């Protein structure tokens, strides 16, 4: 009997938790895009030197982590093999995008550090 209560509770509450995680991911994407766009404007018109690729890729990777958490929680609610296959494909695609973003972040971060070292050496 207790197992049915727990199962019912999970089936009632989990969709709300999943929705909150999905919304958090969406909000992070929107925030990161707006921030990157404003910094792009500053780079273009005010000659600032923000590393847009690094900042935007970091925001997207963070958003994908929230979306992946939601997908993982969805596995608890899977009812048949078709849903499981679809969910597995979505998880794999999001994981691949996350890996690609991590490579982008790793590739752009040393560039930023190297540029700072060059500017410090030139100013001395």
PDB file of N, CA and C in Angstrom:
ATOM      1  N   UNK A   1       0.815  -1.205   0.000  1.00  0.00           N
ATOM      2  CA  UNK A   1       0.000   0.000   0.000  1.00  0.00           C
ATOM      3  C   UNK A   1       0.859   1.271   0.000  1.00  0.00           C
ATOM      4  N   UNK A   2       1.929   1.279   0.823  1.00  0.00           N
ATOM      5  CA  UNK A   2       2.802   2.445   0.871  1.00  0.00           C
ATOM      6  C   UNK A   2       3.483   2.694  -0.466  1.00  0.00           C
ATOM      7  N   UNK A   3       3.785   1.617  -1.199  1.00  0.00           N
ATOM      8  CA  UNK A   3       4.429   1.738  -2.498  1.00  0.00           C
ATOM      9  C   UNK A   3       3.518   2.470  -3.483  1.00  0.00           C
ATOM     10  N   UNK A   4       2.209   2.192  -3.435  1.00  0.00           N
ATOM     11  CA  UNK A   4       1.264   2.868  -4.318  1.00  0.00           C
ATOM     12  C   UNK A   4       1.152   4.356  -3.972  1.00  0.00           C
ATOM     13  N   UNK A   5       1.221   4.680  -2.685  1.00  0.00           N
ATOM     14  CA  UNK A   5       1.173   6.086  -2.274  1.00  0.00           C
ATOM     15  C   UNK A   5       2.400   6.824  -2.788  1.00  0.00           C
ATOM     16  N   UNK A   6       3.575   6.215  -2.649  1.00  0.00           N
ATOM     17  CA  UNK A   6       4.814   6.819  -3.127  1.00  0.00           C
ATOM     18  C   UNK A   6       4.784   6.984  -4.639  1.00  0.00           C
ATOM     19  N   UNK A   7       4.318   5.951  -5.339  1.00  0.00           N
ATOM     20  CA  UNK A   7       4.228   6.009  -6.795  1.00  0.00           C
ATOM     21  C   UNK A   7       3.271   7.118  -7.236  1.00  0.00           C
ATOM     22  N   UNK A   8       2.148   7.229  -6.576  1.00  0.00           N
ATOM     23  CA  UNK A   8       1.195   8.292  -6.899  1.00  0.00           C
ATOM     24  C   UNK A   8       1.762   9.665  -6.614  1.00  0.00           C
ATOM     25  N   UNK A   9       2.481   9.789  -5.509  1.00  0.00           N
ATOM     26  CA  UNK A   9       3.110  11.066  -5.153  1.00  0.00           C
ATOM     27  C   UNK A   9       4.139  11.465  -6.212  1.00  0.00           C
ATOM     28  N   UNK A  10       4.957  10.499  -6.613  1.00  0.00           N
ATOM     29  CA  UNK A  10       5.975  10.777  -7.640  1.00  0.00           C
ATOM     30  C   UNK A  10       5.315  11.183  -8.953  1.00  0.00           C
ATOM     31  N   UNK A  11       4.271  10.471  -9.335  1.00  0.00           N
ATOM     32  CA  UNK A  11       3.593  10.790 -10.590  1.00  0.00           C
ATOM     33  C   UNK A  11       2.897  12.149 -10.549  1.00  0.00           C
ATOM     34  N   UNK A  12       2.513  12.612  -9.364  1.00  0.00           N
ATOM     35  CA  UNK A  12       1.862  13.910  -9.229  1.00  0.00           C
ATOM     36  C   UNK A  12       2.864  15.061  -9.150  1.00  0.00           C
ATOM     37  N   UNK A  13       3.958  14.865  -8.411  1.00  0.00           N
ATOM     38  CA  UNK A  13       4.899  15.951  -8.123  1.00  0.00           C
ATOM     39  C   UNK A  13       5.987  16.083  -9.187  1.00  0.00           C
ATOM     40  N   UNK A  14       6.471  14.965  -9.709  1.00  0.00           N
ATOM     41  CA  UNK A  14       7.594  14.985 -10.630  1.00  0.00           C
ATOM     42  C   UNK A  14       7.373  15.848 -11.875  1.00  0.00           C
ATOM     43  N   UNK A  15       6.200  15.845 -12.501  1.00  0.00           N
ATOM     44  CA  UNK A  15       6.019  16.725 -13.657  1.00  0.00           C
ATOM     45  C   UNK A  15       6.244  18.215 -13.332  1.00  0.00           C
ATOM     46  N   UNK A  16       5.886  18.645 -12.134  1.00  0.00           N
ATOM     47  CA  UNK A  16       6.116  20.034 -11.754  1.00  0.00           C
ATOM     48  C   UNK A  16       7.604  20.326 -11.585  1.00  0.00           C
ATOM     49  N   UNK A  17       8.313  19.385 -10.963  1.00  0.00           N
ATOM     50  CA  UNK A  17       9.757  19.556 -10.788  1.00  0.00           C
ATOM     51  C   UNK A  17      10.449  19.593 -12.150  1.00  0.00           C
ATOM     52  N   UNK A  18      10.044  18.710 -13.046  1.00  0.00           N
ATOM     53  CA  UNK A  18      10.607  18.674 -14.401  1.00  0.00           C
ATOM     54  C   UNK A  18      10.342  19.991 -15.113  1.00  0.00           C
ATOM     55  N   UNK A  19       9.131  20.501 -14.992  1.00  0.00           N
ATOM     56  CA  UNK A  19       8.791  21.776 -15.633  1.00  0.00           C
ATOM     57  C   UNK A  19       9.630  22.924 -15.095  1.00  0.00           C
ATOM     58  N   UNK A  20       9.851  22.945 -13.775  1.00  0.00           N
ATOM     59  CA  UNK A  20      10.670  24.000 -13.170  1.00  0.00           C
ATOM     60  C   UNK A  20      12.096  23.930 -13.705  1.00  0.00           C
ATOM     61  N   UNK A  21      12.663  22.728 -13.791  1.00  0.00           N
ATOM     62  CA  UNK A  21      14.015  22.579 -14.327  1.00  0.00           C
ATOM     63  C   UNK A  21      14.093  23.027 -15.783  1.00  0.00           C
ATOM     64  N   UNK A  22      13.088  22.681 -16.568  1.00  0.00           N
ATOM     65  CA  UNK A  22      13.057  23.104 -17.972  1.00  0.00           C
ATOM     66  C   UNK A  22      12.978  24.625 -18.081  1.00  0.00           C
ATOM     67  N   UNK A  23      12.144  25.248 -17.264  1.00  0.00           N
ATOM     68  CA  UNK A  23      12.013  26.705 -17.277  1.00  0.00           C
ATOM     69  C   UNK A  23      13.317  27.362 -16.853  1.00  0.00           C
ATOM     70  N   UNK A  24      13.983  26.790 -15.852  1.00  0.00           N
ATOM     71  CA  UNK A  24      15.271  27.333 -15.423  1.00  0.00           C
ATOM     72  C   UNK A  24      16.278  27.305 -16.578  1.00  0.00           C
ATOM     73  N   UNK A  25      16.314  26.214 -17.305  1.00  0.00           N
ATOM     74  CA  UNK A  25      17.203  26.111 -18.461  1.00  0.00           C
ATOM     75  C   UNK A  25      16.874  27.150 -19.517  1.00  0.00           C
ATOM     76  N   UNK A  26      15.596  27.339 -19.776  1.00  0.00           N
ATOM     77  CA  UNK A  26      15.170  28.336 -20.765  1.00  0.00           C
ATOM     78  C   UNK A  26      15.567  29.740 -20.319  1.00  0.00           C
ATOM     79  N   UNK A  27      15.355  30.050 -19.057  1.00  0.00           N
ATOM     80  CA  UNK A  27      15.712  31.377 -18.547  1.00  0.00           C
ATOM     81  C   UNK A  27      17.217  31.628 -18.619  1.00  0.00           C
ATOM     82  N   UNK A  28      18.014  30.600 -18.364  1.00  0.00           N
ATOM     83  CA  UNK A  28      19.465  30.753 -18.462  1.00  0.00           C
ATOM     84  C   UNK A  28      19.880  31.019 -19.900  1.00  0.00           C
ATOM     85  N   UNK A  29      19.253  30.344 -20.858  1.00  0.00           N
ATOM     86  CA  UNK A  29      19.556  30.598 -22.271  1.00  0.00           C
ATOM     87  C   UNK A  29      19.200  32.039 -22.639  1.00  0.00           C
ATOM     88  N   UNK A  30      18.028  32.485 -22.232  1.00  0.00           N
ATOM     89  CA  UNK A  30      17.597  33.850 -22.543  1.00  0.00           C
ATOM     90  C   UNK A  30      18.548  34.862 -21.910  1.00  0.00           C
ATOM     91  N   UNK A  31      18.883  34.667 -20.629  1.00  0.00           N
ATOM     92  CA  UNK A  31      19.790  35.583 -19.926  1.00  0.00           C
ATOM     93  C   UNK A  31      21.171  35.613 -20.608  1.00  0.00           C
ATOM     94  N   UNK A  32      21.690  34.430 -20.936  1.00  0.00           N
ATOM     95  CA  UNK A  32      23.006  34.355 -21.573  1.00  0.00           C
ATOM     96  C   UNK A  32      23.003  35.019 -22.941  1.00  0.00           C
ATOM     97  N   UNK A  33      21.936  34.822 -23.695  1.00  0.00           N
ATOM     98  CA  UNK A  33      21.845  35.437 -25.022  1.00  0.00           C
ATOM     99  C   UNK A  33      21.774  36.961 -24.915  1.00  0.00           C
ATOM    100  N   UNK A  34      20.975  37.461 -23.988  1.00  0.00           N
ATOM    101  CA  UNK A  34      20.870  38.917 -23.813  1.00  0.00           C
ATOM    102  C   UNK A  34      22.196  39.509 -23.360  1.00  0.00           C
ATOM    103  N   UNK A  35      22.832  38.853 -22.421  1.00  0.00           N
ATOM    104  CA  UNK A  35      24.119  39.333 -21.909  1.00  0.00           C
ATOM    105  C   UNK A  35      25.180  39.320 -23.014  1.00  0.00           C
ATOM    106  N   UNK A  36      25.227  38.235 -23.788  1.00  0.00           N
ATOM    107  CA  UNK A  36      26.186  38.142 -24.890  1.00  0.00           C
ATOM    108  C   UNK A  36      25.907  39.205 -25.947  1.00  0.00           C
ATOM    109  N   UNK A  37      24.633  39.457 -26.215  1.00  0.00           N
ATOM    110  CA  UNK A  37      24.294  40.481 -27.207  1.00  0.00           C
ATOM    111  C   UNK A  37      24.723  41.868 -26.741  1.00  0.00           C
ATOM    112  N   UNK A  38      24.479  42.176 -25.474  1.00  0.00           N
ATOM    113  CA  UNK A  38      24.909  43.476 -24.948  1.00  0.00           C
ATOM    114  C   UNK A  38      26.429  43.620 -24.988  1.00  0.00           C
ATOM    115  N   UNK A  39      27.127  42.555 -24.684  1.00  0.00           N
ATOM    116  CA  UNK A  39      28.584  42.612 -24.740  1.00  0.00           C
ATOM    117  C   UNK A  39      29.079  42.684 -26.181  1.00  0.00           C
ATOM    118  N   UNK A  40      28.350  42.083 -27.102  1.00  0.00           N
ATOM    119  CA  UNK A  40      28.672  42.215 -28.520  1.00  0.00           C
ATOM    120  C   UNK A  40      28.545  43.674 -28.958  1.00  0.00           C
ATOM    121  N   UNK A  41      27.484  44.321 -28.515  1.00  0.00           N
ATOM    122  CA  UNK A  41      27.296  45.745 -28.824  1.00  0.00           C
ATOM    123  C   UNK A  41      28.459  46.564 -28.260  1.00  0.00           C
ATOM    124  N   UNK A  42      28.853  46.268 -27.023  1.00  0.00           N
ATOM    125  CA  UNK A  42      29.970  46.995 -26.415  1.00  0.00           C
ATOM    126  C   UNK A  42      31.269  46.720 -27.162  1.00  0.00           C
ATOM    127  N   UNK A  43      31.492  45.493 -27.586  1.00  0.00           N
ATOM    128  CA  UNK A  43      32.692  45.172 -28.368  1.00  0.00           C
ATOM    129  C   UNK A  43      32.699  45.930 -29.691  1.00  0.00           C
ATOM    130  N   UNK A  44      31.550  45.986 -30.327  1.00  0.00           N
ATOM    131  CA  UNK A  44      31.469  46.585 -31.653  1.00  0.00           C
ATOM    132  C   UNK A  44      31.568  48.110 -31.619  1.00  0.00           C
ATOM    133  N   UNK A  45      30.804  48.730 -30.736  1.00  0.00           N
ATOM    134  CA  UNK A  45      30.707  50.188 -30.778  1.00  0.00           C
ATOM    135  C   UNK A  45      31.606  50.905 -29.768  1.00  0.00           C
ATOM    136  N   UNK A  46      31.932  50.239 -28.679  1.00  0.00           N
ATOM    137  CA  UNK A  46      32.709  50.915 -27.635  1.00  0.00           C
ATOM    138  C   UNK A  46      34.095  50.311 -27.470  1.00  0.00           C
ATOM    139  N   UNK A  47      34.482  49.444 -28.395  1.00  0.00           N
ATOM    140  CA  UNK A  47      35.818  48.844 -28.428  1.00  0.00           C
ATOM    141  C   UNK A  47      36.209  48.155 -27.120  1.00  0.00           C
ATOM    142  N   UNK A  48      35.229  47.503 -26.496  1.00  0.00           N
ATOM    143  CA  UNK A  48      35.522  46.677 -25.322  1.00  0.00           C
ATOM    144  C   UNK A  48      36.100  45.353 -25.814  1.00  0.00           C
ATOM    145  N   UNK A  49      36.619  44.554 -24.912  1.00  0.00           N
ATOM    146  CA  UNK A  49      37.234  43.295 -25.310  1.00  0.00           C
ATOM    147  C   UNK A  49      36.673  42.130 -24.493  1.00  0.00           C
ATOM    148  N   UNK A  50      35.380  41.864 -24.637  1.00  0.00           N
ATOM    149  CA  UNK A  50      34.761  40.734 -23.961  1.00  0.00           C
ATOM    150  C   UNK A  50      34.931  39.487 -24.806  1.00  0.00           C
ATOM    151  N   UNK A  51      35.142  38.354 -24.165  1.00  0.00           N
ATOM    152  CA  UNK A  51      35.235  37.078 -24.863  1.00  0.00           C
ATOM    153  C   UNK A  51      33.825  36.490 -24.974  1.00  0.00           C
ATOM    154  N   UNK A  52      33.134  36.867 -26.038  1.00  0.00           N
ATOM    155  CA  UNK A  52      31.724  36.493 -26.199  1.00  0.00           C
ATOM    156  C   UNK A  52      31.524  34.991 -26.326  1.00  0.00           C
ATOM    157  N   UNK A  53      32.382  34.332 -27.072  1.00  0.00           N
ATOM    158  CA  UNK A  53      32.212  32.890 -27.269  1.00  0.00           C
ATOM    159  C   UNK A  53      32.283  32.146 -25.945  1.00  0.00           C
ATOM    160  N   UNK A  54      33.245  32.508 -25.120  1.00  0.00           N
ATOM    161  CA  UNK A  54      33.396  31.847 -23.832  1.00  0.00           C
ATOM    162  C   UNK A  54      32.187  32.097 -22.940  1.00  0.00           C
ATOM    163  N   UNK A  55      31.765  33.349 -22.848  1.00  0.00           N
ATOM    164  CA  UNK A  55      30.650  33.696 -21.971  1.00  0.00           C
ATOM    165  C   UNK A  55      29.341  33.053 -22.423  1.00  0.00           C
ATOM    166  N   UNK A  56      29.078  33.104 -23.714  1.00  0.00           N
ATOM    167  CA  UNK A  56      27.822  32.548 -24.223  1.00  0.00           C
ATOM    168  C   UNK A  56      27.828  31.023 -24.144  1.00  0.00           C
ATOM    169  N   UNK A  57      28.953  30.398 -24.499  1.00  0.00           N
ATOM    170  CA  UNK A  57      29.034  28.935 -24.440  1.00  0.00           C
ATOM    171  C   UNK A  57      28.886  28.436 -23.004  1.00  0.00           C
ATOM    172  N   UNK A  58      29.433  29.174 -22.047  1.00  0.00           N
ATOM    173  CA  UNK A  58      29.294  28.794 -20.648  1.00  0.00           C
ATOM    174  C   UNK A  58      27.827  28.840 -20.214  1.00  0.00           C
ATOM    175  N   UNK A  59      27.128  29.877 -20.613  1.00  0.00           N
ATOM    176  CA  UNK A  59      25.708  29.981 -20.289  1.00  0.00           C
ATOM    177  C   UNK A  59      24.889  28.868 -20.919  1.00  0.00           C
ATOM    178  N   UNK A  60      25.183  28.558 -22.180  1.00  0.00           N
ATOM    179  CA  UNK A  60      24.456  27.485 -22.861  1.00  0.00           C
ATOM    180  C   UNK A  60      24.738  26.129 -22.224  1.00  0.00           C
ATOM    181  N   UNK A  61      25.986  25.902 -21.839  1.00  0.00           N
ATOM    182  CA  UNK A  61      26.326  24.633 -21.189  1.00  0.00           C
ATOM    183  C   UNK A  61      25.596  24.495 -19.849  1.00  0.00           C
ATOM    184  N   UNK A  62      25.514  25.584 -19.109  1.00  0.00           N
ATOM    185  CA  UNK A  62      24.802  25.555 -17.834  1.00  0.00           C
ATOM    186  C   UNK A  62      23.319  25.268 -18.055  1.00  0.00           C
ATOM    187  N   UNK A  63      22.734  25.916 -19.055  1.00  0.00           N
ATOM    188  CA  UNK A  63      21.325  25.683 -19.366  1.00  0.00           C
ATOM    189  C   UNK A  63      21.090  24.222 -19.759  1.00  0.00           C
ATOM    190  N   UNK A  64      22.010  23.669 -20.532  1.00  0.00           N
ATOM    191  CA  UNK A  64      21.861  22.276 -20.936  1.00  0.00           C
ATOM    192  C   UNK A  64      21.938  21.323 -19.751  1.00  0.00           C
ATOM    193  N   UNK A  65      22.697  21.681 -18.739  1.00  0.00           N
ATOM    194  CA  UNK A  65      22.767  20.846 -17.539  1.00  0.00           C
ATOM    195  C   UNK A  65      21.400  20.781 -16.852  1.00  0.00           C
ATOM    196  N   UNK A  66      20.698  21.906 -16.790  1.00  0.00           N
ATOM    197  CA  UNK A  66      19.352  21.913 -16.208  1.00  0.00           C
ATOM    198  C   UNK A  66      18.392  21.090 -17.060  1.00  0.00           C
ATOM    199  N   UNK A  67      18.498  21.235 -18.377  1.00  0.00           N
ATOM    200  CA  UNK A  67      17.627  20.476 -19.269  1.00  0.00           C
ATOM    201  C   UNK A  67      17.910  18.971 -19.166  1.00  0.00           C
ATOM    202  N   UNK A  68      19.192  18.615 -19.016  1.00  0.00           N
ATOM    203  CA  UNK A  68      19.543  17.201 -18.854  1.00  0.00           C
ATOM    204  C   UNK A  68      18.989  16.650 -17.542  1.00  0.00           C
ATOM    205  N   UNK A  69      19.023  17.451 -16.489  1.00  0.00           N
ATOM    206  CA  UNK A  69      18.453  17.015 -15.209  1.00  0.00           C
ATOM    207  C   UNK A  69      16.965  16.709 -15.368  1.00  0.00           C
ATOM    208  N   UNK A  70      16.270  17.554 -16.117  1.00  0.00           N
ATOM    209  CA  UNK A  70      14.846  17.320 -16.364  1.00  0.00           C
ATOM    210  C   UNK A  70      14.636  16.026 -17.154  1.00  0.00           C
ATOM    211  N   UNK A  71      15.487  15.795 -18.145  1.00  0.00           N
ATOM    212  CA  UNK A  71      15.361  14.567 -18.947  1.00  0.00           C
ATOM    213  C   UNK A  71      15.624  13.329 -18.094  1.00  0.00           C
ATOM    214  N   UNK A  72      16.600  13.415 -17.207  1.00  0.00           N
ATOM    215  CA  UNK A  72      16.894  12.274 -16.337  1.00  0.00           C
ATOM    216  C   UNK A  72      15.700  11.971 -15.437  1.00  0.00           C
ATOM    217  N   UNK A  73      15.078  13.019 -14.901  1.00  0.00           N
ATOM    218  CA  UNK A  73      13.892  12.801 -14.064  1.00  0.00           C
ATOM    219  C   UNK A  73      12.725  12.227 -14.868  1.00  0.00           C
ATOM    220  N   UNK A  74      12.662  12.550 -16.141  1.00  0.00           N
ATOM    221  CA  UNK A  74      11.589  12.004 -16.989  1.00  0.00           C
ATOM    222  C   UNK A  74      11.693  10.494 -17.120  1.00  0.00           C
ATOM    223  N   UNK A  75      12.895   9.953 -16.943  1.00  0.00           N
ATOM    224  CA  UNK A  75      13.043   8.494 -17.065  1.00  0.00           C
ATOM    225  C   UNK A  75      12.233   7.756 -16.011  1.00  0.00           C
ATOM    226  N   UNK A  76      11.946   8.410 -14.894  1.00  0.00           N
ATOM    227  CA  UNK A  76      11.138   7.783 -13.845  1.00  0.00           C
ATOM    228  C   UNK A  76       9.698   7.595 -14.314  1.00  0.00           C
ATOM    229  N   UNK A  77       9.237   8.470 -15.184  1.00  0.00           N
ATOM    230  CA  UNK A  77       7.844   8.438 -15.633  1.00  0.00           C
ATOM    231  C   UNK A  77       7.618   7.636 -16.911  1.00  0.00           C
ATOM    232  N   UNK A  78       8.674   7.064 -17.479  1.00  0.00           N
ATOM    233  CA  UNK A  78       8.549   6.335 -18.746  1.00  0.00           C
ATOM    234  C   UNK A  78       7.652   5.122 -18.564  1.00  0.00           C
ATOM    235  N   UNK A  79       6.723   4.935 -19.519  1.00  0.00           N
ATOM    236  CA  UNK A  79       5.753   3.841 -19.418  1.00  0.00           C
ATOM    237  C   UNK A  79       6.024   2.694 -20.401  1.00  0.00           C
ATOM    238  N   UNK A  80       6.595   2.994 -21.569  1.00  0.00           N
ATOM    239  CA  UNK A  80       6.852   1.918 -22.527  1.00  0.00           C
ATOM    240  C   UNK A  80       8.187   2.143 -23.240  1.00  0.00           C
ATOM    241  N   UNK A  81       8.573   1.181 -24.048  1.00  0.00           N
ATOM    242  CA  UNK A  81       9.886   1.187 -24.691  1.00  0.00           C
ATOM    243  C   UNK A  81      10.020   2.322 -25.705  1.00  0.00           C
ATOM    244  N   UNK A  82       8.909   2.690 -26.370  1.00  0.00           N
ATOM    245  CA  UNK A  82       8.951   3.784 -27.335  1.00  0.00           C
ATOM    246  C   UNK A  82       9.350   5.100 -26.658  1.00  0.00           C
ATOM    247  N   UNK A  83       8.749   5.364 -25.517  1.00  0.00           N
ATOM    248  CA  UNK A  83       9.089   6.571 -24.770  1.00  0.00           C
ATOM    249  C   UNK A  83      10.538   6.529 -24.309  1.00  0.00           C
ATOM    250  N   UNK A  84      10.986   5.358 -23.891  1.00  0.00           N
ATOM    251  CA  UNK A  84      12.360   5.220 -23.414  1.00  0.00           C
ATOM    252  C   UNK A  84      13.363   5.467 -24.534  1.00  0.00           C
ATOM    253  N   UNK A  85      13.082   4.953 -25.727  1.00  0.00           N
ATOM    254  CA  UNK A  85      13.968   5.167 -26.878  1.00  0.00           C
ATOM    255  C   UNK A  85      14.015   6.649 -27.231  1.00  0.00           C
ATOM    256  N   UNK A  86      12.860   7.300 -27.268  1.00  0.00           N
ATOM    257  CA  UNK A  86      12.807   8.726 -27.584  1.00  0.00           C
ATOM    258  C   UNK A  86      13.561   9.537 -26.532  1.00  0.00           C
ATOM    259  N   UNK A  87      13.348   9.231 -25.289  1.00  0.00           N
ATOM    260  CA  UNK A  87      14.013   9.923 -24.194  1.00  0.00           C
ATOM    261  C   UNK A  87      15.519   9.689 -24.242  1.00  0.00           C
ATOM    262  N   UNK A  88      15.930   8.462 -24.538  1.00  0.00           N
ATOM    263  CA  UNK A  88      17.355   8.156 -24.673  1.00  0.00           C
ATOM    264  C   UNK A  88      17.999   8.946 -25.794  1.00  0.00           C
ATOM    265  N   UNK A  89      17.293   9.074 -26.919  1.00  0.00           N
ATOM    266  CA  UNK A  89      17.826   9.846 -28.041  1.00  0.00           C
ATOM    267  C   UNK A  89      17.984  11.315 -27.666  1.00  0.00           C
ATOM    268  N   UNK A  90      17.013  11.875 -26.970  1.00  0.00           N
ATOM    269  CA  UNK A  90      17.099  13.272 -26.541  1.00  0.00           C
ATOM    270  C   UNK A  90      18.266  13.475 -25.580  1.00  0.00           C
ATOM    271  N   UNK A  91      18.432  12.548 -24.646  1.00  0.00           N
ATOM    272  CA  UNK A  91      19.530  12.643 -23.682  1.00  0.00           C
ATOM    273  C   UNK A  91      20.877  12.566 -24.400  1.00  0.00           C
ATOM    274  N   UNK A  92      21.003  11.653 -25.355  1.00  0.00           N
ATOM    275  CA  UNK A  92      22.259  11.525 -26.111  1.00  0.00           C
ATOM    276  C   UNK A  92      22.555  12.793 -26.901  1.00  0.00           C
ATOM    277  N   UNK A  93      21.545  13.344 -27.570  1.00  0.00           N
ATOM    278  CA  UNK A  93      21.755  14.585 -28.331  1.00  0.00           C
ATOM    279  C   UNK A  93      22.166  15.748 -27.426  1.00  0.00           C
ATOM    280  N   UNK A  94      21.517  15.882 -26.294  1.00  0.00           N
ATOM    281  CA  UNK A  94      21.867  16.965 -25.371  1.00  0.00           C
ATOM    282  C   UNK A  94      23.257  16.756 -24.791  1.00  0.00           C
ATOM    283  N   UNK A  95      23.608  15.514 -24.531  1.00  0.00           N
ATOM    284  CA  UNK A  95      24.953  15.232 -24.014  1.00  0.00           C
ATOM    285  C   UNK A  95      26.010  15.589 -25.056  1.00  0.00           C
ATOM    286  N   UNK A  96      25.749  15.267 -26.329  1.00  0.00           N
ATOM    287  CA  UNK A  96      26.691  15.616 -27.391  1.00  0.00           C
ATOM    288  C   UNK A  96      26.844  17.131 -27.527  1.00  0.00           C
ATOM    289  N   UNK A  97      25.740  17.843 -27.460  1.00  0.00           N
ATOM    290  CA  UNK A  97      25.812  19.309 -27.535  1.00  0.00           C
ATOM    291  C   UNK A  97      26.592  19.863 -26.340  1.00  0.00           C
ATOM    292  N   UNK A  98      26.376  19.288 -25.165  1.00  0.00           N
ATOM    293  CA  UNK A  98      27.112  19.721 -23.980  1.00  0.00           C
ATOM    294  C   UNK A  98      28.608  19.486 -24.160  1.00  0.00           C
ATOM    295  N   UNK A  99      28.975  18.332 -24.696  1.00  0.00           N
ATOM    296  CA  UNK A  99      30.391  18.033 -24.933  1.00  0.00           C
ATOM    297  C   UNK A  99      30.985  19.020 -25.928  1.00  0.00           C
ATOM    298  N   UNK A 100      30.260  19.308 -27.004  1.00  0.00           N
ATOM    299  CA  UNK A 100      30.744  20.285 -27.987  1.00  0.00           C
ATOM    300  C   UNK A 100      30.907  21.667 -27.365  1.00  0.00           C
ATOM    301  N   UNK A 101      29.967  22.052 -26.516  1.00  0.00           N
ATOM    302  CA  UNK A 101      30.091  23.348 -25.850  1.00  0.00           C
ATOM    303  C   UNK A 101      31.284  23.368 -24.904  1.00  0.00           C
ATOM    304  N   UNK A 102      31.544  22.270 -24.230  1.00  0.00           N
ATOM    305  CA  UNK A 102      32.709  22.202 -23.333  1.00  0.00           C
ATOM    306  C   UNK A 102      34.004  22.357 -24.125  1.00  0.00           C
ATOM    307  N   UNK A 103      34.082  21.748 -25.318  1.00  0.00           N
ATOM    308  CA  UNK A 103      35.258  21.943 -26.169  1.00  0.00           C
ATOM    309  C   UNK A 103      35.384  23.395 -26.589  1.00  0.00           C
ATOM    310  N   UNK A 104      34.267  24.028 -26.903  1.00  0.00           N
ATOM    311  CA  UNK A 104      34.271  25.450 -27.274  1.00  0.00           C
ATOM    312  C   UNK A 104      34.764  26.297 -26.108  1.00  0.00           C
ATOM    313  N   UNK A 105      34.282  25.984 -24.919  1.00  0.00           N
ATOM    314  CA  UNK A 105      34.696  26.735 -23.729  1.00  0.00           C
ATOM    315  C   UNK A 105      36.190  26.540 -23.489  1.00  0.00           C
ATOM    316  N   UNK A 106      36.631  25.306 -23.566  1.00  0.00           N
ATOM    317  CA  UNK A 106      38.048  25.007 -23.334  1.00  0.00           C
ATOM    318  C   UNK A 106      38.923  25.682 -24.393  1.00  0.00           C
ATOM    319  N   UNK A 107      38.432  25.726 -25.627  1.00  0.00           N
ATOM    320  CA  UNK A 107      39.203  26.345 -26.709  1.00  0.00           C
ATOM    321  C   UNK A 107      39.273  27.859 -26.607  1.00  0.00           C
ATOM    322  N   UNK A 108      38.243  28.488 -26.076  1.00  0.00           N
ATOM    323  CA  UNK A 108      38.238  29.949 -26.018  1.00  0.00           C
ATOM    324  C   UNK A 108      38.843  30.492 -24.736  1.00  0.00           C
ATOM    325  N   UNK A 109      38.865  29.717 -23.678  1.00  0.00           N
ATOM    326  CA  UNK A 109      39.410  30.212 -22.411  1.00  0.00           C
ATOM    327  C   UNK A 109      40.915  30.457 -22.480  1.00  0.00           C
ATOM    328  N   UNK A 110      41.731  29.529 -22.984  1.00  0.00           N
ATOM    329  CA  UNK A 110      43.164  29.813 -23.058  1.00  0.00           C
ATOM    330  C   UNK A 110      43.477  31.003 -23.956  1.00  0.00           C
ATOM    331  N   UNK A 111      42.678  31.206 -25.002  1.00  0.00           N
ATOM    332  CA  UNK A 111      42.885  32.345 -25.882  1.00  0.00           C
ATOM    333  C   UNK A 111      42.755  33.640 -25.096  1.00  0.00           C
ATOM    334  N   UNK A 112      41.767  33.703 -24.220  1.00  0.00           N
ATOM    335  CA  UNK A 112      41.555  34.893 -23.410  1.00  0.00           C
ATOM    336  C   UNK A 112      42.732  35.113 -22.457  1.00  0.00           C
ATOM    337  N   UNK A 113      43.192  34.051 -21.834  1.00  0.00           N
ATOM    338  CA  UNK A 113      44.315  34.157 -20.902  1.00  0.00           C
ATOM    339  C   UNK A 113      45.576  34.577 -21.648  1.00  0.00           C
ATOM    340  N   UNK A 114      45.804  34.001 -22.835  1.00  0.00           N
ATOM    341  CA  UNK A 114      46.984  34.367 -23.625  1.00  0.00           C
ATOM    342  C   UNK A 114      46.949  35.833 -24.037  1.00  0.00           C
ATOM    343  N   UNK A 115      45.763  36.338 -24.397  1.00  0.00           N
ATOM    344  CA  UNK A 115      45.638  37.742 -24.772  1.00  0.00           C
ATOM    345  C   UNK A 115      45.934  38.649 -23.586  1.00  0.00           C
ATOM    346  N   UNK A 116      45.488  38.260 -22.397  1.00  0.00           N
ATOM    347  CA  UNK A 116      45.767  39.065 -21.208  1.00  0.00           C
ATOM    348  C   UNK A 116      47.258  39.067 -20.909  1.00  0.00           C
ATOM    349  N   UNK A 117      47.933  37.926 -21.065  1.00  0.00           N
ATOM    350  CA  UNK A 117      49.361  37.859 -20.833  1.00  0.00           C
ATOM    351  C   UNK A 117      50.133  38.720 -21.828  1.00  0.00           C
ATOM    352  N   UNK A 118      49.684  38.722 -23.107  1.00  0.00           N
ATOM    353  CA  UNK A 118      50.331  39.562 -24.112  1.00  0.00           C
ATOM    354  C   UNK A 118      50.191  41.041 -23.777  1.00  0.00           C
ATOM    355  N   UNK A 119      48.970  41.433 -23.373  1.00  0.00           N
ATOM    356  CA  UNK A 119      48.742  42.844 -23.069  1.00  0.00           C
ATOM    357  C   UNK A 119      49.528  43.272 -21.835  1.00  0.00           C
ATOM    358  N   UNK A 120      49.657  42.376 -20.850  1.00  0.00           N
ATOM    359  CA  UNK A 120      50.468  42.696 -19.662  1.00  0.00           C
ATOM    360  C   UNK A 120      51.938  42.826 -20.025  1.00  0.00           C
ATOM    361  N   UNK A 121      52.434  41.957 -20.913  1.00  0.00           N
ATOM    362  CA  UNK A 121      53.842  42.009 -21.322  1.00  0.00           C
ATOM    363  C   UNK A 121      54.134  43.260 -22.139  1.00  0.00           C
ATOM    364  N   UNK A 122      53.160  43.662 -22.991  1.00  0.00           N
ATOM    365  CA  UNK A 122      53.346  44.859 -23.808  1.00  0.00           C
ATOM    366  C   UNK A 122      53.333  46.129 -22.977  1.00  0.00           C
ATOM    367  N   UNK A 123      52.567  46.138 -21.895  1.00  0.00           N
ATOM    368  CA  UNK A 123      52.474  47.341 -21.083  1.00  0.00           C
ATOM    369  C   UNK A 123      53.710  47.540 -20.197  1.00  0.00           C
ATOM    370  N   UNK A 124      54.519  46.491 -20.027  1.00  0.00           N
ATOM    371  CA  UNK A 124      55.730  46.599 -19.182  1.00  0.00           C
ATOM    372  C   UNK A 124      56.878  47.136 -19.928  1.00  0.00           C
TER     373      UNK A 124
END
